[in-house]
C-alpha atoms as a PDB file:
ATOM      1  CA  MET A   1     118.576  88.311 115.039  1.00  0.00           C
ATOM      2  CA  SER A   2     115.667  89.401 116.925  1.00  0.00           C
ATOM      3  CA  ASP A   3     112.084  89.832 115.505  1.00  0.00           C
ATOM      4  CA  SER A   4     112.068  93.570 116.507  1.00  0.00           C
ATOM      5  CA  THR A   5     115.165  94.386 114.330  1.00  0.00           C
ATOM      6  CA  VAL A   6     113.584  92.473 111.397  1.00  0.00           C
ATOM      7  CA  PHE A   7     110.392  94.137 111.873  1.00  0.00           C
ATOM      8  CA  ARG A   8     112.013  97.511 111.881  1.00  0.00           C
ATOM      9  CA  GLN A   9     114.031  96.937 108.759  1.00  0.00           C
ATOM     10  CA  ARG A  10     110.810  95.630 106.924  1.00  0.00           C
ATOM     11  CA  LEU A  11     108.786  98.748 108.247  1.00  0.00           C
ATOM     12  CA  VAL A  12     111.526 101.175 107.015  1.00  0.00           C
ATOM     13  CA  GLY A  13     111.513  99.183 103.588  1.00  0.00           C
ATOM     14  CA  ALA A  14     107.591  99.766 103.406  1.00  0.00           C
ATOM     15  CA  LEU A  15     107.986 103.411 104.515  1.00  0.00           C
ATOM     16  CA  ALA A  16     110.655 103.676 101.417  1.00  0.00           C
ATOM     17  CA  VAL A  17     108.054 102.424  99.001  1.00  0.00           C
ATOM     18  CA  LEU A  18     105.309 104.756 100.446  1.00  0.00           C
ATOM     19  CA  TYR A  19     107.705 107.503 100.185  1.00  0.00           C
ATOM     20  CA  SER A  20     108.373 106.899  96.580  1.00  0.00           C
ATOM     21  CA  ILE A  21     104.612 106.616  95.972  1.00  0.00           C
ATOM     22  CA  ALA A  22     104.308 110.153  97.580  1.00  0.00           C
ATOM     23  CA  VAL A  23     107.115 111.542  95.381  1.00  0.00           C
ATOM     24  CA  LEU A  24     105.297 110.042  92.332  1.00  0.00           C
ATOM     25  CA  LEU A  25     102.080 111.739  93.524  1.00  0.00           C
ATOM     26  CA  LEU A  26     103.537 115.094  94.252  1.00  0.00           C
ATOM     27  CA  TRP A  27     105.243 114.939  90.727  1.00  0.00           C
ATOM     28  CA  PHE A  28     101.834 114.641  89.125  1.00  0.00           C
ATOM     29  CA  ALA A  29     100.560 117.311  91.374  1.00  0.00           C
ATOM     30  CA  ALA A  30     103.455 119.657  90.406  1.00  0.00           C
ATOM     31  CA  GLN A  31     102.567 119.206  86.791  1.00  0.00           C
ATOM     32  CA  ARG A  32      98.714 119.323  87.017  1.00  0.00           C
ATOM     33  CA  ILE A  33      97.684 121.706  89.926  1.00  0.00           C
ATOM     34  CA  GLY A  34     100.717 123.868  90.474  1.00  0.00           C
ATOM     35  CA  PHE A  35     102.356 122.277  93.480  1.00  0.00           C
ATOM     36  CA  SER A  36     105.717 123.905  94.184  1.00  0.00           C
ATOM     37  CA  GLY A  37     108.344 122.570  91.767  1.00  0.00           C
ATOM     38  CA  ARG A  38     111.304 123.511  94.063  1.00  0.00           C
ATOM     39  CA  ALA A  39     109.518 121.686  97.078  1.00  0.00           C
ATOM     40  CA  TRP A  40     109.125 118.662  95.120  1.00  0.00           C
ATOM     41  CA  LEU A  41     112.680 118.793  94.081  1.00  0.00           C
ATOM     42  CA  ALA A  42     113.810 118.797  97.683  1.00  0.00           C
ATOM     43  CA  ILE A  43     111.326 116.099  98.489  1.00  0.00           C
ATOM     44  CA  ALA A  44     112.504 114.092  95.417  1.00  0.00           C
ATOM     45  CA  TRP A  45     116.052 114.413  96.443  1.00  0.00           C
ATOM     46  CA  LEU A  46     115.383 113.112  99.832  1.00  0.00           C
ATOM     47  CA  TRP A  47     114.206 109.867  98.515  1.00  0.00           C
ATOM     48  CA  PHE A  48     117.996 109.037  98.356  1.00  0.00           C
ATOM     49  CA  VAL A  49     118.289 108.747 102.079  1.00  0.00           C
ATOM     50  CA  TRP A  50     115.937 105.788 102.000  1.00  0.00           C
ATOM     51  CA  PRO A  51     118.577 103.215 100.470  1.00  0.00           C
ATOM     52  CA  VAL A  52     121.280 104.317 102.898  1.00  0.00           C
ATOM     53  CA  LEU A  53     118.855 104.047 105.690  1.00  0.00           C
ATOM     54  CA  LEU A  54     117.939 100.488 104.741  1.00  0.00           C
ATOM     55  CA  ALA A  55     121.592  99.756 104.363  1.00  0.00           C
ATOM     56  CA  VAL A  56     122.939 100.792 107.781  1.00  0.00           C
ATOM     57  CA  LEU A  57     119.950  99.645 109.812  1.00  0.00           C
ATOM     58  CA  PRO A  58     120.445  96.355 111.913  1.00  0.00           C
ATOM     59  CA  GLY A  59     118.639  93.426 110.828  1.00  0.00           C
ATOM     60  CA  ARG A  60     119.210  93.913 107.339  1.00  0.00           C
ATOM     61  CA  SER A  61     119.531  91.036 104.627  1.00  0.00           C
ATOM     62  CA  LEU A  62     119.815  91.172 100.823  1.00  0.00           C
ATOM     63  CA  ALA A  63     116.184  90.631 100.280  1.00  0.00           C
ATOM     64  CA  ARG A  64     115.137  93.138 103.062  1.00  0.00           C
ATOM     65  CA  PHE A  65     117.255  95.691 101.428  1.00  0.00           C
ATOM     66  CA  PHE A  66     117.125  95.152  97.645  1.00  0.00           C
ATOM     67  CA  ILE A  67     113.310  94.467  97.341  1.00  0.00           C
ATOM     68  CA  PRO A  68     112.124  97.748  98.925  1.00  0.00           C
ATOM     69  CA  VAL A  69     114.864  99.750  97.025  1.00  0.00           C
ATOM     70  CA  ILE A  70     114.151  98.249  93.836  1.00  0.00           C
ATOM     71  CA  VAL A  71     110.506  98.380  94.049  1.00  0.00           C
ATOM     72  CA  SER A  72     110.785 102.137  95.153  1.00  0.00           C
ATOM     73  CA  LEU A  73     113.291 102.697  92.342  1.00  0.00           C
ATOM     74  CA  LEU A  74     110.846 101.618  89.731  1.00  0.00           C
ATOM     75  CA  ILE A  75     108.102 103.825  91.054  1.00  0.00           C
ATOM     76  CA  VAL A  76     110.305 106.871  91.095  1.00  0.00           C
ATOM     77  CA  ALA A  77     111.965 105.865  87.606  1.00  0.00           C
ATOM     78  CA  VAL A  78     109.228 108.024  85.917  1.00  0.00           C
ATOM     79  CA  CYS A  79     110.240 111.115  87.587  1.00  0.00           C
ATOM     80  CA  ILE A  80     114.136 111.083  87.374  1.00  0.00           C
ATOM     81  CA  PRO A  81     114.420 112.965  84.042  1.00  0.00           C
ATOM     82  CA  THR A  82     112.419 115.663  85.435  1.00  0.00           C
ATOM     83  CA  LEU A  83     114.370 115.702  88.637  1.00  0.00           C
ATOM     84  CA  LEU A  84     117.601 116.110  86.798  1.00  0.00           C
ATOM     85  CA  ALA A  85     116.114 118.640  84.467  1.00  0.00           C
ATOM     86  CA  MET A  86     114.968 120.640  87.482  1.00  0.00           C
ATOM     87  CA  THR A  87     118.083 120.221  89.566  1.00  0.00           C
ATOM     88  CA  ALA A  88     120.167 121.664  86.568  1.00  0.00           C
ATOM     89  CA  TRP A  89     117.667 124.510  86.070  1.00  0.00           C
ATOM     90  CA  ALA A  90     117.883 125.234  89.814  1.00  0.00           C
ATOM     91  CA  ILE A  91     121.472 125.287  90.199  1.00  0.00           C
ATOM     92  CA  GLY A  92     122.405 126.778  86.600  1.00  0.00           C
ATOM     93  CA  GLY A  93     119.278 128.769  85.821  1.00  0.00           C
ATOM     94  CA  PHE A  94     118.515 126.678  82.782  1.00  0.00           C
ATOM     95  CA  ALA A  95     116.836 123.694  81.673  1.00  0.00           C
ATOM     96  CA  PRO A  96     118.882 121.047  79.407  1.00  0.00           C
END
């Protein structure tokens, strides 16, 4: 396995963690300063692309896959109830 594929996997893992931090910060912004809830909803659902991307990139290993996914999932975990409630509201027109 070449160093460039390992570097690429690590870079994507770091970007996944940074993206989850951005989702969390935008979640706070949506609650505090009126950032668009629908925009946050779309951005938050896009987080689920990162684990798929990490799984299909060449140069993957269990550690290079699971460490960024678990860290970013722990960061995003506080937002998941809001994400599910807002998704139900956006689809059905109500909040559970």
